[in-house]
Every structure is written in structure tokens, then in C-alpha cells.
């Protein structure tokens, strides 16, 4: 049996959290990569430093994509608030009485 999931217009599906997480991991790997290239404190070979650079690109890209989705969900939430507050959409007419 499949459960029906109902999402609120105010839910961002945790994209803000994932944006911060991916950007933090990307910056951390970038710092490790730059320090390793500049001073070689860990004595890693070129394959490992190339892998670290790939993870830097991957995590920063995922962070930027999730930031974009987070901004879009925030706009959707603002639109939902405006629609809820818009008085022109309210039914102000009295229903016709039946004889």
C-alpha cells in the first residue's frame, strides 16, 4: 500500500540544511586541497589530491543547486502567503436563497 504524502507550501524539504552542509564540506575539502598542494603536509600522491579536487567540485556544485532550490521554495512560500492574504479572492457575495 502506498502512503500519500502531503507537503506544505511552507516546507523547503530541508534544502537550506543541505545547502549549508554541502557548502561546508566543499570548503573544508578545498582548504585541505590547497594546503596539500602548497605544503604537502600529508604526503598524498596525485591521484588522491585529484580525488579531493573532484569532491570539492561535487560538494560545491550540490551546495549551489540546493541553494537555488531553497530560494525557489522560499518564493513559493511567499506566494502562498500572498494568496492567503489576498482579499480579492475571498467570496464576499451572499449565496442566492432558494425559494
PDB file of N, CA and C in Angstrom:
ATOM      1  N   UNK A   1       0.826  -1.162   0.000  1.00  0.00           N
ATOM      2  CA  UNK A   1       0.000   0.000   0.000  1.00  0.00           C
ATOM      3  C   UNK A   1       0.887   1.248   0.000  1.00  0.00           C
ATOM      4  N   UNK A   2       0.586   2.195  -0.829  1.00  0.00           N
ATOM      5  CA  UNK A   2       1.377   3.408  -0.956  1.00  0.00           C
ATOM      6  C   UNK A   2       0.719   4.502  -0.129  1.00  0.00           C
ATOM      7  N   UNK A   3       1.526   5.147   0.708  1.00  0.00           N
ATOM      8  CA  UNK A   3       1.011   6.253   1.511  1.00  0.00           C
ATOM      9  C   UNK A   3       1.093   7.545   0.701  1.00  0.00           C
ATOM     10  N   UNK A   4       0.052   8.346   0.805  1.00  0.00           N
ATOM     11  CA  UNK A   4       0.043   9.630   0.118  1.00  0.00           C
ATOM     12  C   UNK A   4       0.728  10.665   1.006  1.00  0.00           C
ATOM     13  N   UNK A   5       1.727  11.335   0.453  1.00  0.00           N
ATOM     14  CA  UNK A   5       2.448  12.363   1.194  1.00  0.00           C
ATOM     15  C   UNK A   5       1.922  13.728   0.783  1.00  0.00           C
ATOM     16  N   UNK A   6       1.561  14.530   1.771  1.00  0.00           N
ATOM     17  CA  UNK A   6       1.088  15.883   1.524  1.00  0.00           C
ATOM     18  C   UNK A   6       2.136  16.836   2.074  1.00  0.00           C
ATOM     19  N   UNK A   7       2.671  17.681   1.206  1.00  0.00           N
ATOM     20  CA  UNK A   7       3.691  18.633   1.605  1.00  0.00           C
ATOM     21  C   UNK A   7       3.078  20.022   1.684  1.00  0.00           C
ATOM     22  N   UNK A   8       3.474  20.765   2.685  1.00  0.00           N
ATOM     23  CA  UNK A   8       3.013  22.132   2.851  1.00  0.00           C
ATOM     24  C   UNK A   8       3.756  23.051   1.878  1.00  0.00           C
ATOM     25  N   UNK A   9       3.138  24.167   1.557  1.00  0.00           N
ATOM     26  CA  UNK A   9       3.802  25.156   0.706  1.00  0.00           C
ATOM     27  C   UNK A   9       4.922  25.851   1.463  1.00  0.00           C
ATOM     28  N   UNK A  10       4.933  25.719   2.785  1.00  0.00           N
ATOM     29  CA  UNK A  10       5.956  26.357   3.608  1.00  0.00           C
ATOM     30  C   UNK A  10       7.112  25.412   3.919  1.00  0.00           C
ATOM     31  N   UNK A  11       7.064  24.186   3.423  1.00  0.00           N
ATOM     32  CA  UNK A  11       8.142  23.227   3.640  1.00  0.00           C
ATOM     33  C   UNK A  11       9.202  23.410   2.558  1.00  0.00           C
ATOM     34  N   UNK A  12      10.468  23.467   2.973  1.00  0.00           N
ATOM     35  CA  UNK A  12      11.540  23.601   1.978  1.00  0.00           C
ATOM     36  C   UNK A  12      12.258  22.278   1.739  1.00  0.00           C
ATOM     37  N   UNK A  13      11.716  21.179   2.283  1.00  0.00           N
ATOM     38  CA  UNK A  13      12.271  19.837   2.111  1.00  0.00           C
ATOM     39  C   UNK A  13      13.733  19.768   2.550  1.00  0.00           C
ATOM     40  N   UNK A  14      14.092  20.559   3.560  1.00  0.00           N
ATOM     41  CA  UNK A  14      15.427  20.587   4.158  1.00  0.00           C
ATOM     42  C   UNK A  14      16.520  21.010   3.179  1.00  0.00           C
ATOM     43  N   UNK A  15      16.177  21.767   2.153  1.00  0.00           N
ATOM     44  CA  UNK A  15      17.191  22.200   1.192  1.00  0.00           C
ATOM     45  C   UNK A  15      18.130  23.236   1.801  1.00  0.00           C
ATOM     46  N   UNK A  16      17.645  24.036   2.744  1.00  0.00           N
ATOM     47  CA  UNK A  16      18.518  25.004   3.406  1.00  0.00           C
ATOM     48  C   UNK A  16      19.601  24.314   4.209  1.00  0.00           C
ATOM     49  N   UNK A  17      19.231  23.240   4.915  1.00  0.00           N
ATOM     50  CA  UNK A  17      20.207  22.465   5.688  1.00  0.00           C
ATOM     51  C   UNK A  17      21.233  21.813   4.769  1.00  0.00           C
ATOM     52  N   UNK A  18      20.753  21.182   3.680  1.00  0.00           N
ATOM     53  CA  UNK A  18      21.672  20.512   2.769  1.00  0.00           C
ATOM     54  C   UNK A  18      22.572  21.511   2.054  1.00  0.00           C
ATOM     55  N   UNK A  19      22.065  22.698   1.781  1.00  0.00           N
ATOM     56  CA  UNK A  19      22.890  23.735   1.161  1.00  0.00           C
ATOM     57  C   UNK A  19      24.069  24.070   2.058  1.00  0.00           C
ATOM     58  N   UNK A  20      23.792  24.320   3.337  1.00  0.00           N
ATOM     59  CA  UNK A  20      24.862  24.645   4.276  1.00  0.00           C
ATOM     60  C   UNK A  20      25.827  23.468   4.447  1.00  0.00           C
ATOM     61  N   UNK A  21      25.282  22.256   4.526  1.00  0.00           N
ATOM     62  CA  UNK A  21      26.123  21.072   4.709  1.00  0.00           C
ATOM     63  C   UNK A  21      27.067  20.871   3.526  1.00  0.00           C
ATOM     64  N   UNK A  22      26.534  20.916   2.306  1.00  0.00           N
ATOM     65  CA  UNK A  22      27.366  20.681   1.124  1.00  0.00           C
ATOM     66  C   UNK A  22      28.399  21.792   0.932  1.00  0.00           C
ATOM     67  N   UNK A  23      28.005  23.045   1.167  1.00  0.00           N
ATOM     68  CA  UNK A  23      28.973  24.128   1.032  1.00  0.00           C
ATOM     69  C   UNK A  23      30.055  24.040   2.100  1.00  0.00           C
ATOM     70  N   UNK A  24      29.694  23.633   3.310  1.00  0.00           N
ATOM     71  CA  UNK A  24      30.687  23.473   4.362  1.00  0.00           C
ATOM     72  C   UNK A  24      31.671  22.355   4.019  1.00  0.00           C
ATOM     73  N   UNK A  25      31.147  21.216   3.551  1.00  0.00           N
ATOM     74  CA  UNK A  25      32.030  20.122   3.153  1.00  0.00           C
ATOM     75  C   UNK A  25      32.916  20.516   1.970  1.00  0.00           C
ATOM     76  N   UNK A  26      32.349  21.234   1.006  1.00  0.00           N
ATOM     77  CA  UNK A  26      33.133  21.692  -0.135  1.00  0.00           C
ATOM     78  C   UNK A  26      34.257  22.622   0.269  1.00  0.00           C
ATOM     79  N   UNK A  27      33.959  23.556   1.171  1.00  0.00           N
ATOM     80  CA  UNK A  27      35.004  24.482   1.640  1.00  0.00           C
ATOM     81  C   UNK A  27      36.060  23.749   2.461  1.00  0.00           C
ATOM     82  N   UNK A  28      35.645  22.772   3.262  1.00  0.00           N
ATOM     83  CA  UNK A  28      36.598  22.002   4.049  1.00  0.00           C
ATOM     84  C   UNK A  28      37.554  21.218   3.140  1.00  0.00           C
ATOM     85  N   UNK A  29      36.992  20.545   2.141  1.00  0.00           N
ATOM     86  CA  UNK A  29      37.846  19.816   1.198  1.00  0.00           C
ATOM     87  C   UNK A  29      38.713  20.778   0.376  1.00  0.00           C
ATOM     88  N   UNK A  30      38.214  21.966   0.070  1.00  0.00           N
ATOM     89  CA  UNK A  30      39.011  22.950  -0.665  1.00  0.00           C
ATOM     90  C   UNK A  30      40.210  23.399   0.166  1.00  0.00           C
ATOM     91  N   UNK A  31      39.994  23.624   1.452  1.00  0.00           N
ATOM     92  CA  UNK A  31      41.099  24.012   2.331  1.00  0.00           C
ATOM     93  C   UNK A  31      42.139  22.891   2.408  1.00  0.00           C
ATOM     94  N   UNK A  32      41.655  21.653   2.551  1.00  0.00           N
ATOM     95  CA  UNK A  32      42.575  20.511   2.590  1.00  0.00           C
ATOM     96  C   UNK A  32      43.357  20.419   1.281  1.00  0.00           C
ATOM     97  N   UNK A  33      42.686  20.621   0.154  1.00  0.00           N
ATOM     98  CA  UNK A  33      43.337  20.538  -1.153  1.00  0.00           C
ATOM     99  C   UNK A  33      44.401  21.621  -1.312  1.00  0.00           C
ATOM    100  N   UNK A  34      44.059  22.857  -0.947  1.00  0.00           N
ATOM    101  CA  UNK A  34      45.005  23.967  -1.110  1.00  0.00           C
ATOM    102  C   UNK A  34      46.213  23.777  -0.203  1.00  0.00           C
ATOM    103  N   UNK A  35      45.994  23.359   1.040  1.00  0.00           N
ATOM    104  CA  UNK A  35      47.111  23.139   1.961  1.00  0.00           C
ATOM    105  C   UNK A  35      48.001  22.000   1.461  1.00  0.00           C
ATOM    106  N   UNK A  36      47.379  20.941   0.941  1.00  0.00           N
ATOM    107  CA  UNK A  36      48.164  19.805   0.443  1.00  0.00           C
ATOM    108  C   UNK A  36      48.981  20.187  -0.792  1.00  0.00           C
ATOM    109  N   UNK A  37      48.400  20.973  -1.678  1.00  0.00           N
ATOM    110  CA  UNK A  37      49.127  21.407  -2.870  1.00  0.00           C
ATOM    111  C   UNK A  37      50.268  22.358  -2.493  1.00  0.00           C
ATOM    112  N   UNK A  38      50.031  23.240  -1.528  1.00  0.00           N
ATOM    113  CA  UNK A  38      51.033  24.249  -1.183  1.00  0.00           C
ATOM    114  C   UNK A  38      52.177  23.690  -0.325  1.00  0.00           C
ATOM    115  N   UNK A  39      51.863  22.859   0.683  1.00  0.00           N
ATOM    116  CA  UNK A  39      52.906  22.476   1.635  1.00  0.00           C
ATOM    117  C   UNK A  39      53.179  20.975   1.717  1.00  0.00           C
ATOM    118  N   UNK A  40      52.329  20.143   1.194  1.00  0.00           N
ATOM    119  CA  UNK A  40      52.459  18.683   1.240  1.00  0.00           C
ATOM    120  C   UNK A  40      52.630  18.124   2.668  1.00  0.00           C
ATOM    121  N   UNK A  41      51.797  18.543   3.630  1.00  0.00           N
ATOM    122  CA  UNK A  41      51.966  18.011   4.995  1.00  0.00           C
ATOM    123  C   UNK A  41      51.513  16.559   5.128  1.00  0.00           C
ATOM    124  N   UNK A  42      50.590  16.102   4.297  1.00  0.00           N
ATOM    125  CA  UNK A  42      50.081  14.734   4.399  1.00  0.00           C
ATOM    126  C   UNK A  42      50.784  13.772   3.448  1.00  0.00           C
ATOM    127  N   UNK A  43      51.614  14.288   2.562  1.00  0.00           N
ATOM    128  CA  UNK A  43      52.354  13.493   1.580  1.00  0.00           C
ATOM    129  C   UNK A  43      51.424  12.600   0.739  1.00  0.00           C
ATOM    130  N   UNK A  44      50.326  13.172   0.242  1.00  0.00           N
ATOM    131  CA  UNK A  44      49.380  12.431  -0.593  1.00  0.00           C
ATOM    132  C   UNK A  44      49.867  12.429  -2.035  1.00  0.00           C
ATOM    133  N   UNK A  45      49.585  11.347  -2.757  1.00  0.00           N
ATOM    134  CA  UNK A  45      50.006  11.302  -4.163  1.00  0.00           C
ATOM    135  C   UNK A  45      48.993  12.059  -5.034  1.00  0.00           C
ATOM    136  N   UNK A  46      49.305  12.159  -6.311  1.00  0.00           N
ATOM    137  CA  UNK A  46      48.496  12.977  -7.208  1.00  0.00           C
ATOM    138  C   UNK A  46      47.080  12.425  -7.401  1.00  0.00           C
ATOM    139  N   UNK A  47      46.922  11.109  -7.346  1.00  0.00           N
ATOM    140  CA  UNK A  47      45.585  10.522  -7.509  1.00  0.00           C
ATOM    141  C   UNK A  47      44.645  10.938  -6.374  1.00  0.00           C
ATOM    142  N   UNK A  48      45.169  10.968  -5.164  1.00  0.00           N
ATOM    143  CA  UNK A  48      44.342  11.330  -4.005  1.00  0.00           C
ATOM    144  C   UNK A  48      44.004  12.819  -4.042  1.00  0.00           C
ATOM    145  N   UNK A  49      44.966  13.658  -4.413  1.00  0.00           N
ATOM    146  CA  UNK A  49      44.672  15.088  -4.489  1.00  0.00           C
ATOM    147  C   UNK A  49      43.674  15.379  -5.614  1.00  0.00           C
ATOM    148  N   UNK A  50      43.741  14.616  -6.694  1.00  0.00           N
ATOM    149  CA  UNK A  50      42.753  14.758  -7.763  1.00  0.00           C
ATOM    150  C   UNK A  50      41.360  14.345  -7.303  1.00  0.00           C
ATOM    151  N   UNK A  51      41.298  13.308  -6.477  1.00  0.00           N
ATOM    152  CA  UNK A  51      40.022  12.866  -5.918  1.00  0.00           C
ATOM    153  C   UNK A  51      39.458  13.919  -4.971  1.00  0.00           C
ATOM    154  N   UNK A  52      40.319  14.532  -4.168  1.00  0.00           N
ATOM    155  CA  UNK A  52      39.868  15.596  -3.263  1.00  0.00           C
ATOM    156  C   UNK A  52      39.332  16.766  -4.064  1.00  0.00           C
ATOM    157  N   UNK A  53      40.012  17.133  -5.164  1.00  0.00           N
ATOM    158  CA  UNK A  53      39.525  18.214  -6.018  1.00  0.00           C
ATOM    159  C   UNK A  53      38.168  17.869  -6.632  1.00  0.00           C
ATOM    160  N   UNK A  54      37.975  16.601  -7.000  1.00  0.00           N
ATOM    161  CA  UNK A  54      36.681  16.181  -7.549  1.00  0.00           C
ATOM    162  C   UNK A  54      35.581  16.322  -6.507  1.00  0.00           C
ATOM    163  N   UNK A  55      35.878  15.957  -5.253  1.00  0.00           N
ATOM    164  CA  UNK A  55      34.885  16.118  -4.195  1.00  0.00           C
ATOM    165  C   UNK A  55      34.607  17.593  -3.914  1.00  0.00           C
ATOM    166  N   UNK A  56      35.616  18.443  -4.028  1.00  0.00           N
ATOM    167  CA  UNK A  56      35.401  19.886  -3.861  1.00  0.00           C
ATOM    168  C   UNK A  56      34.390  20.382  -4.890  1.00  0.00           C
ATOM    169  N   UNK A  57      34.612  20.032  -6.141  1.00  0.00           N
ATOM    170  CA  UNK A  57      33.716  20.465  -7.215  1.00  0.00           C
ATOM    171  C   UNK A  57      32.318  19.889  -7.012  1.00  0.00           C
ATOM    172  N   UNK A  58      32.249  18.621  -6.632  1.00  0.00           N
ATOM    173  CA  UNK A  58      30.956  17.964  -6.417  1.00  0.00           C
ATOM    174  C   UNK A  58      30.172  18.615  -5.285  1.00  0.00           C
ATOM    175  N   UNK A  59      30.800  18.798  -4.127  1.00  0.00           N
ATOM    176  CA  UNK A  59      30.085  19.345  -2.976  1.00  0.00           C
ATOM    177  C   UNK A  59      29.697  20.806  -3.176  1.00  0.00           C
ATOM    178  N   UNK A  60      30.558  21.597  -3.780  1.00  0.00           N
ATOM    179  CA  UNK A  60      30.199  22.996  -4.020  1.00  0.00           C
ATOM    180  C   UNK A  60      29.067  23.081  -5.050  1.00  0.00           C
ATOM    181  N   UNK A  61      29.099  22.230  -6.061  1.00  0.00           N
ATOM    182  CA  UNK A  61      28.006  22.199  -7.039  1.00  0.00           C
ATOM    183  C   UNK A  61      26.687  21.793  -6.412  1.00  0.00           C
ATOM    184  N   UNK A  62      26.707  20.744  -5.591  1.00  0.00           N
ATOM    185  CA  UNK A  62      25.478  20.327  -4.910  1.00  0.00           C
ATOM    186  C   UNK A  62      24.981  21.404  -3.947  1.00  0.00           C
ATOM    187  N   UNK A  63      25.899  22.103  -3.297  1.00  0.00           N
ATOM    188  CA  UNK A  63      25.516  23.199  -2.405  1.00  0.00           C
ATOM    189  C   UNK A  63      24.837  24.328  -3.151  1.00  0.00           C
ATOM    190  N   UNK A  64      25.363  24.674  -4.318  1.00  0.00           N
ATOM    191  CA  UNK A  64      24.751  25.750  -5.101  1.00  0.00           C
ATOM    192  C   UNK A  64      23.397  25.335  -5.664  1.00  0.00           C
ATOM    193  N   UNK A  65      23.270  24.085  -6.077  1.00  0.00           N
ATOM    194  CA  UNK A  65      21.976  23.602  -6.580  1.00  0.00           C
ATOM    195  C   UNK A  65      20.941  23.594  -5.463  1.00  0.00           C
ATOM    196  N   UNK A  66      21.322  23.113  -4.272  1.00  0.00           N
ATOM    197  CA  UNK A  66      20.372  23.092  -3.168  1.00  0.00           C
ATOM    198  C   UNK A  66      20.055  24.511  -2.691  1.00  0.00           C
ATOM    199  N   UNK A  67      21.003  25.456  -2.823  1.00  0.00           N
ATOM    200  CA  UNK A  67      20.709  26.856  -2.501  1.00  0.00           C
ATOM    201  C   UNK A  67      19.665  27.416  -3.469  1.00  0.00           C
ATOM    202  N   UNK A  68      19.793  27.074  -4.745  1.00  0.00           N
ATOM    203  CA  UNK A  68      18.809  27.509  -5.741  1.00  0.00           C
ATOM    204  C   UNK A  68      17.425  26.978  -5.393  1.00  0.00           C
ATOM    205  N   UNK A  69      17.336  25.670  -5.063  1.00  0.00           N
ATOM    206  CA  UNK A  69      16.040  25.099  -4.697  1.00  0.00           C
ATOM    207  C   UNK A  69      15.498  25.730  -3.418  1.00  0.00           C
ATOM    208  N   UNK A  70      16.367  26.024  -2.471  1.00  0.00           N
ATOM    209  CA  UNK A  70      15.938  26.669  -1.231  1.00  0.00           C
ATOM    210  C   UNK A  70      15.321  28.036  -1.518  1.00  0.00           C
ATOM    211  N   UNK A  71      15.950  28.792  -2.412  1.00  0.00           N
ATOM    212  CA  UNK A  71      15.397  30.103  -2.788  1.00  0.00           C
ATOM    213  C   UNK A  71      14.056  29.955  -3.489  1.00  0.00           C
ATOM    214  N   UNK A  72      13.917  28.942  -4.327  1.00  0.00           N
ATOM    215  CA  UNK A  72      12.644  28.735  -5.021  1.00  0.00           C
ATOM    216  C   UNK A  72      11.545  28.333  -4.056  1.00  0.00           C
ATOM    217  N   UNK A  73      11.860  27.494  -3.066  1.00  0.00           N
ATOM    218  CA  UNK A  73      10.864  27.126  -2.067  1.00  0.00           C
ATOM    219  C   UNK A  73      10.470  28.321  -1.211  1.00  0.00           C
ATOM    220  N   UNK A  74      11.420  29.220  -0.949  1.00  0.00           N
ATOM    221  CA  UNK A  74      11.105  30.424  -0.183  1.00  0.00           C
ATOM    222  C   UNK A  74      10.164  31.326  -0.985  1.00  0.00           C
ATOM    223  N   UNK A  75      10.396  31.455  -2.292  1.00  0.00           N
ATOM    224  CA  UNK A  75       9.491  32.235  -3.142  1.00  0.00           C
ATOM    225  C   UNK A  75       8.102  31.611  -3.179  1.00  0.00           C
ATOM    226  N   UNK A  76       8.044  30.277  -3.252  1.00  0.00           N
ATOM    227  CA  UNK A  76       6.763  29.580  -3.243  1.00  0.00           C
ATOM    228  C   UNK A  76       6.010  29.844  -1.942  1.00  0.00           C
ATOM    229  N   UNK A  77       6.725  29.863  -0.838  1.00  0.00           N
ATOM    230  CA  UNK A  77       6.108  30.147   0.451  1.00  0.00           C
ATOM    231  C   UNK A  77       5.556  31.570   0.491  1.00  0.00           C
ATOM    232  N   UNK A  78       6.321  32.519  -0.063  1.00  0.00           N
ATOM    233  CA  UNK A  78       5.842  33.908  -0.102  1.00  0.00           C
ATOM    234  C   UNK A  78       4.600  34.040  -0.978  1.00  0.00           C
ATOM    235  N   UNK A  79       4.572  33.343  -2.098  1.00  0.00           N
ATOM    236  CA  UNK A  79       3.399  33.382  -2.983  1.00  0.00           C
ATOM    237  C   UNK A  79       2.193  32.786  -2.273  1.00  0.00           C
ATOM    238  N   UNK A  80       2.395  31.691  -1.538  1.00  0.00           N
ATOM    239  CA  UNK A  80       1.290  31.069  -0.796  1.00  0.00           C
ATOM    240  C   UNK A  80       0.764  32.020   0.275  1.00  0.00           C
ATOM    241  N   UNK A  81       1.654  32.754   0.955  1.00  0.00           N
ATOM    242  CA  UNK A  81       1.219  33.731   1.948  1.00  0.00           C
ATOM    243  C   UNK A  81       0.417  34.857   1.306  1.00  0.00           C
ATOM    244  N   UNK A  82       0.874  35.340   0.139  1.00  0.00           N
ATOM    245  CA  UNK A  82       0.153  36.413  -0.546  1.00  0.00           C
ATOM    246  C   UNK A  82      -1.237  35.953  -0.977  1.00  0.00           C
ATOM    247  N   UNK A  83      -1.345  34.734  -1.441  1.00  0.00           N
ATOM    248  CA  UNK A  83      -2.650  34.219  -1.864  1.00  0.00           C
ATOM    249  C   UNK A  83      -3.577  34.085  -0.662  1.00  0.00           C
ATOM    250  N   UNK A  84      -3.047  33.641   0.482  1.00  0.00           N
ATOM    251  CA  UNK A  84      -3.871  33.521   1.682  1.00  0.00           C
ATOM    252  C   UNK A  84      -4.334  34.882   2.182  1.00  0.00           C
ATOM    253  N   UNK A  85      -3.523  35.919   2.000  1.00  0.00           N
ATOM    254  CA  UNK A  85      -3.860  37.245   2.496  1.00  0.00           C
ATOM    255  C   UNK A  85      -4.646  38.091   1.492  1.00  0.00           C
ATOM    256  N   UNK A  86      -4.728  37.648   0.250  1.00  0.00           N
ATOM    257  CA  UNK A  86      -5.396  38.420  -0.794  1.00  0.00           C
ATOM    258  C   UNK A  86      -6.901  38.399  -0.565  1.00  0.00           C
ATOM    259  N   UNK A  87      -7.455  39.578  -0.303  1.00  0.00           N
ATOM    260  CA  UNK A  87      -8.886  39.668  -0.018  1.00  0.00           C
ATOM    261  C   UNK A  87      -9.732  39.642  -1.277  1.00  0.00           C
ATOM    262  N   UNK A  88      -9.134  39.880  -2.425  1.00  0.00           N
ATOM    263  CA  UNK A  88      -9.920  39.872  -3.658  1.00  0.00           C
ATOM    264  C   UNK A  88     -10.330  38.456  -4.047  1.00  0.00           C
ATOM    265  N   UNK A  89      -9.666  37.460  -3.463  1.00  0.00           N
ATOM    266  CA  UNK A  89     -10.010  36.082  -3.778  1.00  0.00           C
ATOM    267  C   UNK A  89     -11.083  35.510  -2.851  1.00  0.00           C
ATOM    268  N   UNK A  90     -11.461  36.280  -1.814  1.00  0.00           N
ATOM    269  CA  UNK A  90     -12.462  35.800  -0.874  1.00  0.00           C
ATOM    270  C   UNK A  90     -13.858  35.905  -1.474  1.00  0.00           C
ATOM    271  N   UNK A  91     -14.712  34.995  -1.115  1.00  0.00           N
ATOM    272  CA  UNK A  91     -16.103  35.039  -1.556  1.00  0.00           C
ATOM    273  C   UNK A  91     -16.858  36.025  -0.680  1.00  0.00           C
ATOM    274  N   UNK A  92     -17.153  37.201  -1.227  1.00  0.00           N
ATOM    275  CA  UNK A  92     -17.863  38.218  -0.455  1.00  0.00           C
ATOM    276  C   UNK A  92     -19.342  38.264  -0.801  1.00  0.00           C
ATOM    277  N   UNK A  93     -19.710  37.603  -1.866  1.00  0.00           N
ATOM    278  CA  UNK A  93     -21.109  37.625  -2.260  1.00  0.00           C
ATOM    279  C   UNK A  93     -21.904  36.640  -1.424  1.00  0.00           C
ATOM    280  N   UNK A  94     -23.116  37.037  -1.117  1.00  0.00           N
ATOM    281  CA  UNK A  94     -24.019  36.164  -0.401  1.00  0.00           C
ATOM    282  C   UNK A  94     -24.541  35.108  -1.370  1.00  0.00           C
ATOM    283  N   UNK A  95     -24.636  33.880  -0.948  1.00  0.00           N
ATOM    284  CA  UNK A  95     -25.228  32.877  -1.850  1.00  0.00           C
ATOM    285  C   UNK A  95     -26.705  33.168  -2.074  1.00  0.00           C
ATOM    286  N   UNK A  96     -27.169  32.901  -3.284  1.00  0.00           N
ATOM    287  CA  UNK A  96     -28.579  33.150  -3.605  1.00  0.00           C
ATOM    288  C   UNK A  96     -29.457  32.206  -2.783  1.00  0.00           C
ATOM    289  N   UNK A  97     -30.563  32.807  -2.269  1.00  0.00           N
ATOM    290  CA  UNK A  97     -31.502  31.985  -1.489  1.00  0.00           C
ATOM    291  C   UNK A  97     -32.393  31.222  -2.440  1.00  0.00           C
ATOM    292  N   UNK A  98     -32.652  29.987  -2.077  1.00  0.00           N
ATOM    293  CA  UNK A  98     -33.526  29.169  -2.897  1.00  0.00           C
ATOM    294  C   UNK A  98     -34.966  29.390  -2.447  1.00  0.00           C
ATOM    295  N   UNK A  99     -35.891  29.489  -3.400  1.00  0.00           N
ATOM    296  CA  UNK A  99     -37.304  29.730  -2.996  1.00  0.00           C
ATOM    297  C   UNK A  99     -37.961  28.547  -2.382  1.00  0.00           C
TER     298      UNK A  99
END
